PDB file of N, CA and C in Angstrom:
ATOM      1  N   MET A   1      64.597  87.862  75.596  1.00  0.00           N
ATOM      2  CA  MET A   1      64.923  88.675  76.919  1.00  0.00           C
ATOM      3  C   MET A   1      63.615  89.080  76.940  1.00  0.00           C
ATOM      4  N   SER A   2      63.232  89.078  78.479  1.00  0.00           N
ATOM      5  CA  SER A   2      61.731  89.320  78.866  1.00  0.00           C
ATOM      6  C   SER A   2      61.944  90.202  79.691  1.00  0.00           C
ATOM      7  N   ALA A   3      60.948  91.138  79.804  1.00  0.00           N
ATOM      8  CA  ALA A   3      60.623  92.309  80.952  1.00  0.00           C
ATOM      9  C   ALA A   3      59.216  92.297  81.474  1.00  0.00           C
ATOM     10  N   SER A   4      59.175  92.377  82.678  1.00  0.00           N
ATOM     11  CA  SER A   4      57.792  92.495  83.119  1.00  0.00           C
ATOM     12  C   SER A   4      57.224  93.992  82.871  1.00  0.00           C
ATOM     13  N   ALA A   5      56.031  94.037  83.059  1.00  0.00           N
ATOM     14  CA  ALA A   5      55.576  95.039  82.709  1.00  0.00           C
ATOM     15  C   ALA A   5      55.424  96.064  83.892  1.00  0.00           C
ATOM     16  N   PRO A   6      56.093  97.192  83.977  1.00  0.00           N
ATOM     17  CA  PRO A   6      56.788  98.461  85.149  1.00  0.00           C
ATOM     18  C   PRO A   6      55.119  98.621  85.534  1.00  0.00           C
ATOM     19  N   ALA A   7      55.343  99.178  86.741  1.00  0.00           N
ATOM     20  CA  ALA A   7      53.851  99.895  87.248  1.00  0.00           C
ATOM     21  C   ALA A   7      54.008 101.634  86.410  1.00  0.00           C
ATOM     22  N   PRO A   8      52.677 101.728  86.507  1.00  0.00           N
ATOM     23  CA  PRO A   8      52.485 103.067  85.781  1.00  0.00           C
ATOM     24  C   PRO A   8      53.500 103.977  86.098  1.00  0.00           C
ATOM     25  N   GLY A   9      54.365 104.495  85.254  1.00  0.00           N
ATOM     26  CA  GLY A   9      55.185 105.784  85.021  1.00  0.00           C
ATOM     27  C   GLY A   9      55.976 105.072  85.641  1.00  0.00           C
ATOM     28  N   GLY A  10      56.636 103.975  85.488  1.00  0.00           N
ATOM     29  CA  GLY A  10      57.758 103.553  85.905  1.00  0.00           C
ATOM     30  C   GLY A  10      58.656 102.786  84.922  1.00  0.00           C
ATOM     31  N   LEU A  11      59.758 102.072  85.525  1.00  0.00           N
ATOM     32  CA  LEU A  11      60.739 101.740  84.327  1.00  0.00           C
ATOM     33  C   LEU A  11      61.191  99.994  84.836  1.00  0.00           C
ATOM     34  N   THR A  12      61.395  99.335  84.015  1.00  0.00           N
ATOM     35  CA  THR A  12      61.810  97.957  84.068  1.00  0.00           C
ATOM     36  C   THR A  12      62.906  98.140  83.382  1.00  0.00           C
ATOM     37  N   ILE A  13      64.005  97.604  83.455  1.00  0.00           N
ATOM     38  CA  ILE A  13      65.190  97.121  82.697  1.00  0.00           C
ATOM     39  C   ILE A  13      65.501  95.827  83.177  1.00  0.00           C
ATOM     40  N   SER A  14      65.898  95.474  81.918  1.00  0.00           N
ATOM     41  CA  SER A  14      66.544  93.679  81.933  1.00  0.00           C
ATOM     42  C   SER A  14      67.586  93.899  80.876  1.00  0.00           C
ATOM     43  N   SER A  15      68.818  93.217  81.189  1.00  0.00           N
ATOM     44  CA  SER A  15      69.840  93.003  80.369  1.00  0.00           C
ATOM     45  C   SER A  15      70.186  91.433  80.094  1.00  0.00           C
ATOM     46  N   THR A  16      70.966  91.395  78.843  1.00  0.00           N
ATOM     47  CA  THR A  16      71.621  90.100  78.794  1.00  0.00           C
ATOM     48  C   THR A  16      72.383  90.214  77.946  1.00  0.00           C
ATOM     49  N   LEU A  17      73.300  89.305  78.294  1.00  0.00           N
ATOM     50  CA  LEU A  17      74.978  89.369  77.489  1.00  0.00           C
ATOM     51  C   LEU A  17      75.194  88.004  76.679  1.00  0.00           C
ATOM     52  N   HIS A  18      75.062  88.353  75.193  1.00  0.00           N
ATOM     53  CA  HIS A  18      74.986  86.899  74.409  1.00  0.00           C
ATOM     54  C   HIS A  18      76.319  87.324  73.569  1.00  0.00           C
ATOM     55  N   ASP A  19      77.031  86.656  73.059  1.00  0.00           N
ATOM     56  CA  ASP A  19      78.204  86.502  71.903  1.00  0.00           C
ATOM     57  C   ASP A  19      78.519  87.746  72.010  1.00  0.00           C
ATOM     58  N   GLY A  20      78.791  88.148  72.654  1.00  0.00           N
ATOM     59  CA  GLY A  20      79.962  89.579  72.891  1.00  0.00           C
ATOM     60  C   GLY A  20      79.199  90.777  73.102  1.00  0.00           C
ATOM     61  N   THR A  21      78.028  90.515  72.558  1.00  0.00           N
ATOM     62  CA  THR A  21      77.203  91.917  72.855  1.00  0.00           C
ATOM     63  C   THR A  21      76.744  92.201  74.307  1.00  0.00           C
ATOM     64  N   LEU A  22      75.814  93.100  74.894  1.00  0.00           N
ATOM     65  CA  LEU A  22      75.530  93.152  76.292  1.00  0.00           C
ATOM     66  C   LEU A  22      73.964  94.041  75.617  1.00  0.00           C
ATOM     67  N   SER A  23      72.869  93.371  76.018  1.00  0.00           N
ATOM     68  CA  SER A  23      72.215  94.362  75.732  1.00  0.00           C
ATOM     69  C   SER A  23      70.656  94.565  76.735  1.00  0.00           C
ATOM     70  N   ILE A  24      70.284  95.251  76.707  1.00  0.00           N
ATOM     71  CA  ILE A  24      69.691  96.389  77.691  1.00  0.00           C
ATOM     72  C   ILE A  24      68.527  96.692  76.983  1.00  0.00           C
ATOM     73  N   ALA A  25      67.195  96.285  77.423  1.00  0.00           N
ATOM     74  CA  ALA A  25      65.851  96.425  77.180  1.00  0.00           C
ATOM     75  C   ALA A  25      65.236  97.379  78.380  1.00  0.00           C
ATOM     76  N   LEU A  26      64.633  98.186  77.585  1.00  0.00           N
ATOM     77  CA  LEU A  26      63.899  99.339  78.350  1.00  0.00           C
ATOM     78  C   LEU A  26      62.296  98.792  78.615  1.00  0.00           C
ATOM     79  N   VAL A  27      61.480  98.880  79.186  1.00  0.00           N
ATOM     80  CA  VAL A  27      60.087  99.013  79.325  1.00  0.00           C
ATOM     81  C   VAL A  27      59.488  99.779  80.208  1.00  0.00           C
ATOM     82  N   GLY A  28      58.893 100.934  79.721  1.00  0.00           N
ATOM     83  CA  GLY A  28      58.283 101.960  80.058  1.00  0.00           C
ATOM     84  C   GLY A  28      58.158 103.090  79.829  1.00  0.00           C
ATOM     85  N   GLU A  29      58.564 103.951  81.281  1.00  0.00           N
ATOM     86  CA  GLU A  29      59.259 105.512  81.069  1.00  0.00           C
ATOM     87  C   GLU A  29      60.128 105.868  81.452  1.00  0.00           C
ATOM     88  N   LEU A  30      61.064 106.074  80.390  1.00  0.00           N
ATOM     89  CA  LEU A  30      62.843 106.850  81.182  1.00  0.00           C
ATOM     90  C   LEU A  30      62.331 108.326  81.512  1.00  0.00           C
ATOM     91  N   ASP A  31      62.528 108.724  82.297  1.00  0.00           N
ATOM     92  CA  ASP A  31      62.655 110.280  82.799  1.00  0.00           C
ATOM     93  C   ASP A  31      63.178 110.361  83.960  1.00  0.00           C
ATOM     94  N   LEU A  32      63.299 111.458  84.971  1.00  0.00           N
ATOM     95  CA  LEU A  32      63.533 111.529  85.962  1.00  0.00           C
ATOM     96  C   LEU A  32      63.388 110.679  86.962  1.00  0.00           C
ATOM     97  N   SER A  33      62.161 110.193  87.125  1.00  0.00           N
ATOM     98  CA  SER A  33      61.873 109.109  88.147  1.00  0.00           C
ATOM     99  C   SER A  33      63.024 107.763  88.239  1.00  0.00           C
ATOM    100  N   GLY A  34      63.054 107.608  86.791  1.00  0.00           N
ATOM    101  CA  GLY A  34      63.672 106.260  86.318  1.00  0.00           C
ATOM    102  C   GLY A  34      65.315 106.605  86.160  1.00  0.00           C
ATOM    103  N   ALA A  35      66.193 107.779  86.661  1.00  0.00           N
ATOM    104  CA  ALA A  35      67.524 108.418  85.695  1.00  0.00           C
ATOM    105  C   ALA A  35      68.128 107.677  86.823  1.00  0.00           C
ATOM    106  N   GLY A  36      68.129 107.478  88.024  1.00  0.00           N
ATOM    107  CA  GLY A  36      69.119 106.614  88.514  1.00  0.00           C
ATOM    108  C   GLY A  36      69.260 105.026  88.465  1.00  0.00           C
ATOM    109  N   GLN A  37      68.141 104.483  88.459  1.00  0.00           N
ATOM    110  CA  GLN A  37      67.775 103.286  87.988  1.00  0.00           C
ATOM    111  C   GLN A  37      68.666 103.002  86.558  1.00  0.00           C
ATOM    112  N   MET A  38      68.237 103.587  85.656  1.00  0.00           N
ATOM    113  CA  MET A  38      69.104 103.540  84.365  1.00  0.00           C
ATOM    114  C   MET A  38      70.828 104.202  84.553  1.00  0.00           C
ATOM    115  N   GLU A  39      71.061 104.905  85.215  1.00  0.00           N
ATOM    116  CA  GLU A  39      73.061 105.017  85.375  1.00  0.00           C
ATOM    117  C   GLU A  39      73.076 104.017  85.970  1.00  0.00           C
ATOM    118  N   ALA A  40      72.161 103.544  86.773  1.00  0.00           N
ATOM    119  CA  ALA A  40      72.809 102.153  87.486  1.00  0.00           C
ATOM    120  C   ALA A  40      72.992 101.228  86.250  1.00  0.00           C
ATOM    121  N   SER A  41      72.319 100.997  86.343  1.00  0.00           N
ATOM    122  CA  SER A  41      71.911  99.972  84.708  1.00  0.00           C
ATOM    123  C   SER A  41      73.214 100.029  83.653  1.00  0.00           C
ATOM    124  N   LEU A  42      73.674 100.999  83.118  1.00  0.00           N
ATOM    125  CA  LEU A  42      74.800 101.771  82.399  1.00  0.00           C
ATOM    126  C   LEU A  42      76.022 101.122  83.053  1.00  0.00           C
ATOM    127  N   ALA A  43      76.131 102.104  84.379  1.00  0.00           N
ATOM    128  CA  ALA A  43      77.231 101.665  84.933  1.00  0.00           C
ATOM    129  C   ALA A  43      77.785 100.413  85.531  1.00  0.00           C
ATOM    130  N   ASP A  44      76.441  99.148  85.766  1.00  0.00           N
ATOM    131  CA  ASP A  44      76.584  97.821  85.714  1.00  0.00           C
ATOM    132  C   ASP A  44      77.396  97.309  83.879  1.00  0.00           C
ATOM    133  N   ALA A  45      76.274  97.614  82.984  1.00  0.00           N
ATOM    134  CA  ALA A  45      76.759  97.584  81.657  1.00  0.00           C
ATOM    135  C   ALA A  45      78.590  97.636  81.256  1.00  0.00           C
ATOM    136  N   GLN A  46      79.008  98.542  81.558  1.00  0.00           N
ATOM    137  CA  GLN A  46      79.859  99.448  81.230  1.00  0.00           C
ATOM    138  C   GLN A  46      80.931  98.299  82.095  1.00  0.00           C
ATOM    139  N   ARG A  47      80.757  97.817  83.617  1.00  0.00           N
ATOM    140  CA  ARG A  47      81.792  97.141  84.131  1.00  0.00           C
ATOM    141  C   ARG A  47      81.918  95.618  83.259  1.00  0.00           C
ATOM    142  N   THR A  48      80.446  95.200  83.474  1.00  0.00           N
ATOM    143  CA  THR A  48      80.300  93.898  82.626  1.00  0.00           C
ATOM    144  C   THR A  48      81.315  93.751  80.941  1.00  0.00           C
ATOM    145  N   LEU A  49      80.906  94.539  80.774  1.00  0.00           N
ATOM    146  CA  LEU A  49      82.037  95.040  79.192  1.00  0.00           C
ATOM    147  C   LEU A  49      83.067  94.421  79.382  1.00  0.00           C
ATOM    148  N   ALA A  50      83.516  95.848  79.949  1.00  0.00           N
ATOM    149  CA  ALA A  50      85.211  95.410  80.893  1.00  0.00           C
ATOM    150  C   ALA A  50      85.860  94.404  81.250  1.00  0.00           C
ATOM    151  N   GLU A  51      84.957  93.688  82.186  1.00  0.00           N
ATOM    152  CA  GLU A  51      85.479  92.412  82.627  1.00  0.00           C
ATOM    153  C   GLU A  51      85.339  91.462  81.651  1.00  0.00           C
ATOM    154  N   THR A  52      84.549  91.217  80.890  1.00  0.00           N
ATOM    155  CA  THR A  52      84.213  90.405  80.193  1.00  0.00           C
ATOM    156  C   THR A  52      84.281  90.215  78.360  1.00  0.00           C
ATOM    157  N   GLN A  53      84.726  91.358  77.653  1.00  0.00           N
ATOM    158  CA  GLN A  53      84.947  91.244  76.420  1.00  0.00           C
ATOM    159  C   GLN A  53      86.483  91.959  76.610  1.00  0.00           C
ATOM    160  N   PRO A  54      87.375  91.648  75.323  1.00  0.00           N
ATOM    161  CA  PRO A  54      88.154  92.489  74.672  1.00  0.00           C
ATOM    162  C   PRO A  54      87.955  93.759  74.747  1.00  0.00           C
ATOM    163  N   ALA A  55      88.382  94.976  74.725  1.00  0.00           N
ATOM    164  CA  ALA A  55      88.280  96.480  74.332  1.00  0.00           C
ATOM    165  C   ALA A  55      87.454  96.212  72.588  1.00  0.00           C
ATOM    166  N   GLU A  56      88.092  95.647  71.926  1.00  0.00           N
ATOM    167  CA  GLU A  56      87.656  95.698  70.181  1.00  0.00           C
ATOM    168  C   GLU A  56      86.283  95.130  70.566  1.00  0.00           C
ATOM    169  N   ASP A  57      86.103  94.077  71.178  1.00  0.00           N
ATOM    170  CA  ASP A  57      84.803  93.093  70.958  1.00  0.00           C
ATOM    171  C   ASP A  57      83.690  93.893  71.832  1.00  0.00           C
ATOM    172  N   ARG A  58      83.694  94.612  72.791  1.00  0.00           N
ATOM    173  CA  ARG A  58      82.885  95.316  73.613  1.00  0.00           C
ATOM    174  C   ARG A  58      81.524  96.307  72.884  1.00  0.00           C
ATOM    175  N   ARG A  59      80.483  95.591  73.196  1.00  0.00           N
ATOM    176  CA  ARG A  59      79.230  96.199  71.927  1.00  0.00           C
ATOM    177  C   ARG A  59      78.061  96.317  73.170  1.00  0.00           C
ATOM    178  N   LEU A  60      77.362  97.403  73.407  1.00  0.00           N
ATOM    179  CA  LEU A  60      76.335  97.750  73.934  1.00  0.00           C
ATOM    180  C   LEU A  60      75.272  98.197  73.084  1.00  0.00           C
ATOM    181  N   VAL A  61      73.917  97.526  73.678  1.00  0.00           N
ATOM    182  CA  VAL A  61      72.684  97.680  72.785  1.00  0.00           C
ATOM    183  C   VAL A  61      71.527  98.043  73.292  1.00  0.00           C
ATOM    184  N   ILE A  62      70.834  98.824  73.331  1.00  0.00           N
ATOM    185  CA  ILE A  62      69.770  99.372  74.442  1.00  0.00           C
ATOM    186  C   ILE A  62      68.465  99.296  73.385  1.00  0.00           C
ATOM    187  N   ASP A  63      67.827  98.502  73.717  1.00  0.00           N
ATOM    188  CA  ASP A  63      66.678  98.593  73.164  1.00  0.00           C
ATOM    189  C   ASP A  63      65.474  99.589  73.638  1.00  0.00           C
ATOM    190  N   LEU A  64      64.592 100.039  72.866  1.00  0.00           N
ATOM    191  CA  LEU A  64      63.765 101.117  73.028  1.00  0.00           C
ATOM    192  C   LEU A  64      62.194 100.714  72.587  1.00  0.00           C
ATOM    193  N   ALA A  65      62.378  99.586  71.907  1.00  0.00           N
ATOM    194  CA  ALA A  65      60.964  99.239  71.556  1.00  0.00           C
ATOM    195  C   ALA A  65      59.873  98.908  72.362  1.00  0.00           C
ATOM    196  N   ARG A  66      60.122  98.903  73.907  1.00  0.00           N
ATOM    197  CA  ARG A  66      59.173  98.265  74.580  1.00  0.00           C
ATOM    198  C   ARG A  66      59.182 100.057  75.688  1.00  0.00           C
ATOM    199  N   LEU A  67      59.917 100.777  75.214  1.00  0.00           N
ATOM    200  CA  LEU A  67      59.740 102.637  75.944  1.00  0.00           C
ATOM    201  C   LEU A  67      58.579 103.136  75.566  1.00  0.00           C
ATOM    202  N   SER A  68      57.779 103.447  76.300  1.00  0.00           N
ATOM    203  CA  SER A  68      56.486 104.092  76.236  1.00  0.00           C
ATOM    204  C   SER A  68      56.362 106.013  75.965  1.00  0.00           C
ATOM    205  N   PHE A  69      57.671 106.188  76.692  1.00  0.00           N
ATOM    206  CA  PHE A  69      57.655 108.101  76.821  1.00  0.00           C
ATOM    207  C   PHE A  69      59.307 107.285  77.569  1.00  0.00           C
ATOM    208  N   LEU A  70      59.961 109.076  77.082  1.00  0.00           N
ATOM    209  CA  LEU A  70      61.576 109.686  77.207  1.00  0.00           C
ATOM    210  C   LEU A  70      61.361 111.182  76.964  1.00  0.00           C
ATOM    211  N   ASP A  71      62.228 111.685  77.990  1.00  0.00           N
ATOM    212  CA  ASP A  71      62.116 113.249  78.290  1.00  0.00           C
ATOM    213  C   ASP A  71      63.640 113.653  78.621  1.00  0.00           C
ATOM    214  N   SER A  72      63.720 114.919  78.695  1.00  0.00           N
ATOM    215  CA  SER A  72      65.024 115.235  78.202  1.00  0.00           C
ATOM    216  C   SER A  72      66.044 114.456  79.444  1.00  0.00           C
ATOM    217  N   THR A  73      65.505 114.344  80.712  1.00  0.00           N
ATOM    218  CA  THR A  73      66.687 113.537  81.453  1.00  0.00           C
ATOM    219  C   THR A  73      67.131 112.349  80.802  1.00  0.00           C
ATOM    220  N   GLY A  74      66.160 111.356  80.117  1.00  0.00           N
ATOM    221  CA  GLY A  74      66.258 110.330  79.636  1.00  0.00           C
ATOM    222  C   GLY A  74      67.046 110.434  78.242  1.00  0.00           C
ATOM    223  N   LEU A  75      66.767 111.220  77.546  1.00  0.00           N
ATOM    224  CA  LEU A  75      67.807 111.638  76.160  1.00  0.00           C
ATOM    225  C   LEU A  75      69.295 111.890  76.966  1.00  0.00           C
ATOM    226  N   ARG A  76      69.106 112.801  78.249  1.00  0.00           N
ATOM    227  CA  ARG A  76      70.787 113.033  78.479  1.00  0.00           C
ATOM    228  C   ARG A  76      71.585 111.762  78.863  1.00  0.00           C
ATOM    229  N   LEU A  77      70.624 110.820  79.636  1.00  0.00           N
ATOM    230  CA  LEU A  77      71.742 109.591  80.092  1.00  0.00           C
ATOM    231  C   LEU A  77      71.751 108.792  78.765  1.00  0.00           C
ATOM    232  N   LEU A  78      71.081 108.713  77.864  1.00  0.00           N
ATOM    233  CA  LEU A  78      71.571 108.233  76.463  1.00  0.00           C
ATOM    234  C   LEU A  78      72.574 108.810  75.986  1.00  0.00           C
ATOM    235  N   LEU A  79      72.802 109.879  75.760  1.00  0.00           N
ATOM    236  CA  LEU A  79      73.824 110.783  75.201  1.00  0.00           C
ATOM    237  C   LEU A  79      75.040 110.685  76.155  1.00  0.00           C
ATOM    238  N   GLN A  80      75.101 110.593  77.116  1.00  0.00           N
ATOM    239  CA  GLN A  80      76.266 110.405  78.128  1.00  0.00           C
ATOM    240  C   GLN A  80      76.740 108.875  78.107  1.00  0.00           C
ATOM    241  N   ALA A  81      75.894 108.107  77.993  1.00  0.00           N
ATOM    242  CA  ALA A  81      76.303 106.424  77.775  1.00  0.00           C
ATOM    243  C   ALA A  81      76.848 106.648  76.381  1.00  0.00           C
ATOM    244  N   ASP A  82      76.567 107.279  75.424  1.00  0.00           N
ATOM    245  CA  ASP A  82      77.200 107.147  73.943  1.00  0.00           C
ATOM    246  C   ASP A  82      78.760 108.021  73.946  1.00  0.00           C
ATOM    247  N   ALA A  83      78.883 109.036  74.863  1.00  0.00           N
ATOM    248  CA  ALA A  83      79.907 109.557  75.214  1.00  0.00           C
ATOM    249  C   ALA A  83      80.666 108.552  75.755  1.00  0.00           C
ATOM    250  N   ARG A  84      80.512 108.042  76.971  1.00  0.00           N
ATOM    251  CA  ARG A  84      81.456 106.949  77.363  1.00  0.00           C
ATOM    252  C   ARG A  84      81.793 106.302  76.494  1.00  0.00           C
ATOM    253  N   ALA A  85      80.996 105.452  75.748  1.00  0.00           N
ATOM    254  CA  ALA A  85      81.539 104.350  75.200  1.00  0.00           C
ATOM    255  C   ALA A  85      82.542 104.491  74.137  1.00  0.00           C
ATOM    256  N   ARG A  86      82.317 106.098  73.333  1.00  0.00           N
ATOM    257  CA  ARG A  86      83.128 106.435  72.377  1.00  0.00           C
ATOM    258  C   ARG A  86      84.683 106.971  72.944  1.00  0.00           C
ATOM    259  N   GLU A  87      84.263 107.426  74.610  1.00  0.00           N
ATOM    260  CA  GLU A  87      85.827 107.310  75.608  1.00  0.00           C
ATOM    261  C   GLU A  87      86.607 105.952  75.627  1.00  0.00           C
ATOM    262  N   GLY A  88      85.445 105.095  76.064  1.00  0.00           N
ATOM    263  CA  GLY A  88      86.107 103.695  76.148  1.00  0.00           C
ATOM    264  C   GLY A  88      86.172 102.676  75.156  1.00  0.00           C
ATOM    265  N   GLY A  89      86.122 103.283  74.201  1.00  0.00           N
ATOM    266  CA  GLY A  89      86.336 102.215  72.993  1.00  0.00           C
ATOM    267  C   GLY A  89      85.575 101.132  72.741  1.00  0.00           C
ATOM    268  N   TYR A  90      84.106 101.370  72.679  1.00  0.00           N
ATOM    269  CA  TYR A  90      82.901 100.613  72.744  1.00  0.00           C
ATOM    270  C   TYR A  90      82.074 100.875  72.110  1.00  0.00           C
ATOM    271  N   GLU A  91      81.419 100.052  71.019  1.00  0.00           N
ATOM    272  CA  GLU A  91      80.094 100.342  70.581  1.00  0.00           C
ATOM    273  C   GLU A  91      78.746 100.333  71.255  1.00  0.00           C
ATOM    274  N   LEU A  92      77.935 101.869  70.857  1.00  0.00           N
ATOM    275  CA  LEU A  92      76.759 101.915  71.728  1.00  0.00           C
ATOM    276  C   LEU A  92      75.890 101.868  70.275  1.00  0.00           C
ATOM    277  N   VAL A  93      74.941 101.152  70.526  1.00  0.00           N
ATOM    278  CA  VAL A  93      73.791 101.439  69.522  1.00  0.00           C
ATOM    279  C   VAL A  93      72.627 101.185  70.180  1.00  0.00           C
ATOM    280  N   LEU A  94      71.505 102.005  69.533  1.00  0.00           N
ATOM    281  CA  LEU A  94      70.110 102.310  69.900  1.00  0.00           C
ATOM    282  C   LEU A  94      69.284 101.302  69.081  1.00  0.00           C
ATOM    283  N   ARG A  95      68.191 100.225  69.581  1.00  0.00           N
ATOM    284  CA  ARG A  95      67.253 100.019  68.578  1.00  0.00           C
ATOM    285  C   ARG A  95      66.024 100.966  68.696  1.00  0.00           C
ATOM    286  N   PRO A  96      65.041 101.390  67.686  1.00  0.00           N
ATOM    287  CA  PRO A  96      64.491 102.351  67.911  1.00  0.00           C
ATOM    288  C   PRO A  96      63.173 102.299  68.649  1.00  0.00           C
ATOM    289  N   GLY A  97      62.852 103.167  68.876  1.00  0.00           N
ATOM    290  CA  GLY A  97      61.541 103.076  70.046  1.00  0.00           C
ATOM    291  C   GLY A  97      60.580 103.466  69.037  1.00  0.00           C
ATOM    292  N   SER A  98      59.124 103.726  70.086  1.00  0.00           N
ATOM    293  CA  SER A  98      57.815 103.947  69.310  1.00  0.00           C
ATOM    294  C   SER A  98      57.978 105.589  68.380  1.00  0.00           C
ATOM    295  N   ALA A  99      57.039 106.013  67.562  1.00  0.00           N
ATOM    296  CA  ALA A  99      57.420 107.193  66.936  1.00  0.00           C
ATOM    297  C   ALA A  99      57.224 108.295  68.049  1.00  0.00           C
ATOM    298  N   SER A 100      56.545 108.330  69.078  1.00  0.00           N
ATOM    299  CA  SER A 100      56.731 109.946  70.006  1.00  0.00           C
ATOM    300  C   SER A 100      58.219 109.674  70.900  1.00  0.00           C
ATOM    301  N   VAL A 101      58.934 108.081  71.041  1.00  0.00           N
ATOM    302  CA  VAL A 101      60.142 108.391  71.666  1.00  0.00           C
ATOM    303  C   VAL A 101      61.261 108.692  70.532  1.00  0.00           C
ATOM    304  N   GLN A 102      60.682 108.274  69.308  1.00  0.00           N
ATOM    305  CA  GLN A 102      61.844 108.540  68.308  1.00  0.00           C
ATOM    306  C   GLN A 102      61.794 110.103  67.890  1.00  0.00           C
ATOM    307  N   ARG A 103      60.482 110.800  68.313  1.00  0.00           N
ATOM    308  CA  ARG A 103      60.294 111.990  67.988  1.00  0.00           C
ATOM    309  C   ARG A 103      60.987 112.695  68.593  1.00  0.00           C
ATOM    310  N   VAL A 104      61.582 112.155  69.930  1.00  0.00           N
ATOM    311  CA  VAL A 104      62.500 113.219  71.042  1.00  0.00           C
ATOM    312  C   VAL A 104      63.513 113.392  70.014  1.00  0.00           C
ATOM    313  N   PHE A 105      64.154 112.460  69.685  1.00  0.00           N
ATOM    314  CA  PHE A 105      65.722 112.322  68.968  1.00  0.00           C
ATOM    315  C   PHE A 105      65.657 113.031  67.557  1.00  0.00           C
ATOM    316  N   GLU A 106      64.819 113.006  67.097  1.00  0.00           N
ATOM    317  CA  GLU A 106      64.655 113.972  65.512  1.00  0.00           C
ATOM    318  C   GLU A 106      64.539 115.127  66.283  1.00  0.00           C
ATOM    319  N   VAL A 107      63.704 115.664  67.092  1.00  0.00           N
ATOM    320  CA  VAL A 107      63.243 117.039  67.174  1.00  0.00           C
ATOM    321  C   VAL A 107      64.548 117.783  67.935  1.00  0.00           C
ATOM    322  N   THR A 108      65.420 116.843  68.737  1.00  0.00           N
ATOM    323  CA  THR A 108      66.602 117.505  69.510  1.00  0.00           C
ATOM    324  C   THR A 108      67.679 117.357  68.644  1.00  0.00           C
ATOM    325  N   GLY A 109      67.797 116.656  67.391  1.00  0.00           N
ATOM    326  CA  GLY A 109      69.059 116.576  66.649  1.00  0.00           C
ATOM    327  C   GLY A 109      70.117 115.312  66.838  1.00  0.00           C
ATOM    328  N   ALA A 110      69.499 114.522  68.261  1.00  0.00           N
ATOM    329  CA  ALA A 110      70.492 113.274  68.641  1.00  0.00           C
ATOM    330  C   ALA A 110      70.240 112.328  67.582  1.00  0.00           C
ATOM    331  N   LEU A 111      69.299 112.408  66.961  1.00  0.00           N
ATOM    332  CA  LEU A 111      69.658 110.965  65.412  1.00  0.00           C
ATOM    333  C   LEU A 111      71.023 111.365  64.550  1.00  0.00           C
ATOM    334  N   ASP A 112      71.436 112.858  65.091  1.00  0.00           N
ATOM    335  CA  ASP A 112      72.791 112.820  64.316  1.00  0.00           C
ATOM    336  C   ASP A 112      73.718 112.026  64.814  1.00  0.00           C
ATOM    337  N   VAL A 113      73.788 112.324  66.103  1.00  0.00           N
ATOM    338  CA  VAL A 113      74.346 112.205  67.204  1.00  0.00           C
ATOM    339  C   VAL A 113      74.899 110.725  67.707  1.00  0.00           C
ATOM    340  N   LEU A 114      73.540 109.534  67.933  1.00  0.00           N
ATOM    341  CA  LEU A 114      73.594 108.354  68.574  1.00  0.00           C
ATOM    342  C   LEU A 114      73.105 107.948  67.045  1.00  0.00           C
ATOM    343  N   ARG A 115      73.781 106.590  67.161  1.00  0.00           N
ATOM    344  CA  ARG A 115      73.818 105.179  66.252  1.00  0.00           C
ATOM    345  C   ARG A 115      72.417 104.272  66.693  1.00  0.00           C
ATOM    346  N   PHE A 116      71.812 104.148  65.924  1.00  0.00           N
ATOM    347  CA  PHE A 116      70.528 103.258  65.676  1.00  0.00           C
ATOM    348  C   PHE A 116      70.841 101.906  64.821  1.00  0.00           C
ATOM    349  N   GLU A 117      69.980 100.916  64.867  1.00  0.00           N
ATOM    350  CA  GLU A 117      70.195  99.654  63.738  1.00  0.00           C
ATOM    351  C   GLU A 117      68.456  99.122  64.067  1.00  0.00           C
ATOM    352  N   SER A 118      68.048  98.508  62.886  1.00  0.00           N
ATOM    353  CA  SER A 118      66.993  97.706  63.228  1.00  0.00           C
ATOM    354  C   SER A 118      67.046  96.505  64.018  1.00  0.00           C
ATOM    355  N   PRO A 119      66.391  95.750  64.608  1.00  0.00           N
ATOM    356  CA  PRO A 119      66.486  94.552  65.505  1.00  0.00           C
ATOM    357  C   PRO A 119      66.246  93.330  64.260  1.00  0.00           C
ATOM    358  N   PRO A 120      67.276  92.787  65.205  1.00  0.00           N
ATOM    359  CA  PRO A 120      67.490  91.548  63.975  1.00  0.00           C
ATOM    360  C   PRO A 120      66.202  90.889  63.748  1.00  0.00           C
ATOM    361  N   ALA A 121      66.310  90.402  62.353  1.00  0.00           N
ATOM    362  CA  ALA A 121      64.669  89.605  61.996  1.00  0.00           C
ATOM    363  C   ALA A 121      64.383  88.523  62.456  1.00  0.00           C
ATOM    364  N   ALA A 122      63.420  88.072  63.120  1.00  0.00           N
ATOM    365  CA  ALA A 122      63.024  87.268  63.969  1.00  0.00           C
ATOM    366  C   ALA A 122      62.854  85.916  63.134  1.00  0.00           C
TER     367      ALA A 122
END
């Protein structure tokens, strides 16, 4: 999965579907300016999973490894995506980001709500 570098302050989103898992990789900053783009990507992901996977096999992974900044708007989007996944009966997991991104989850208590997993070994 590759994503080009976004413009300063921008967000680049790429997605891949492999073996029943839809992965979304974020590069750049997930904040108010990228909220619409992220909402559209999440809606597309939900639609793709519904159209291609049986309900019990639906899995969405959001990779934050190349995310340089996350604000409360981005956090809200991820929490809403998690709530939709639970309602829709599919799994949503996050791959951890940088220390500063993970700090947002820590100080807000979102680590207790959202599910994180380590990336697969290379």
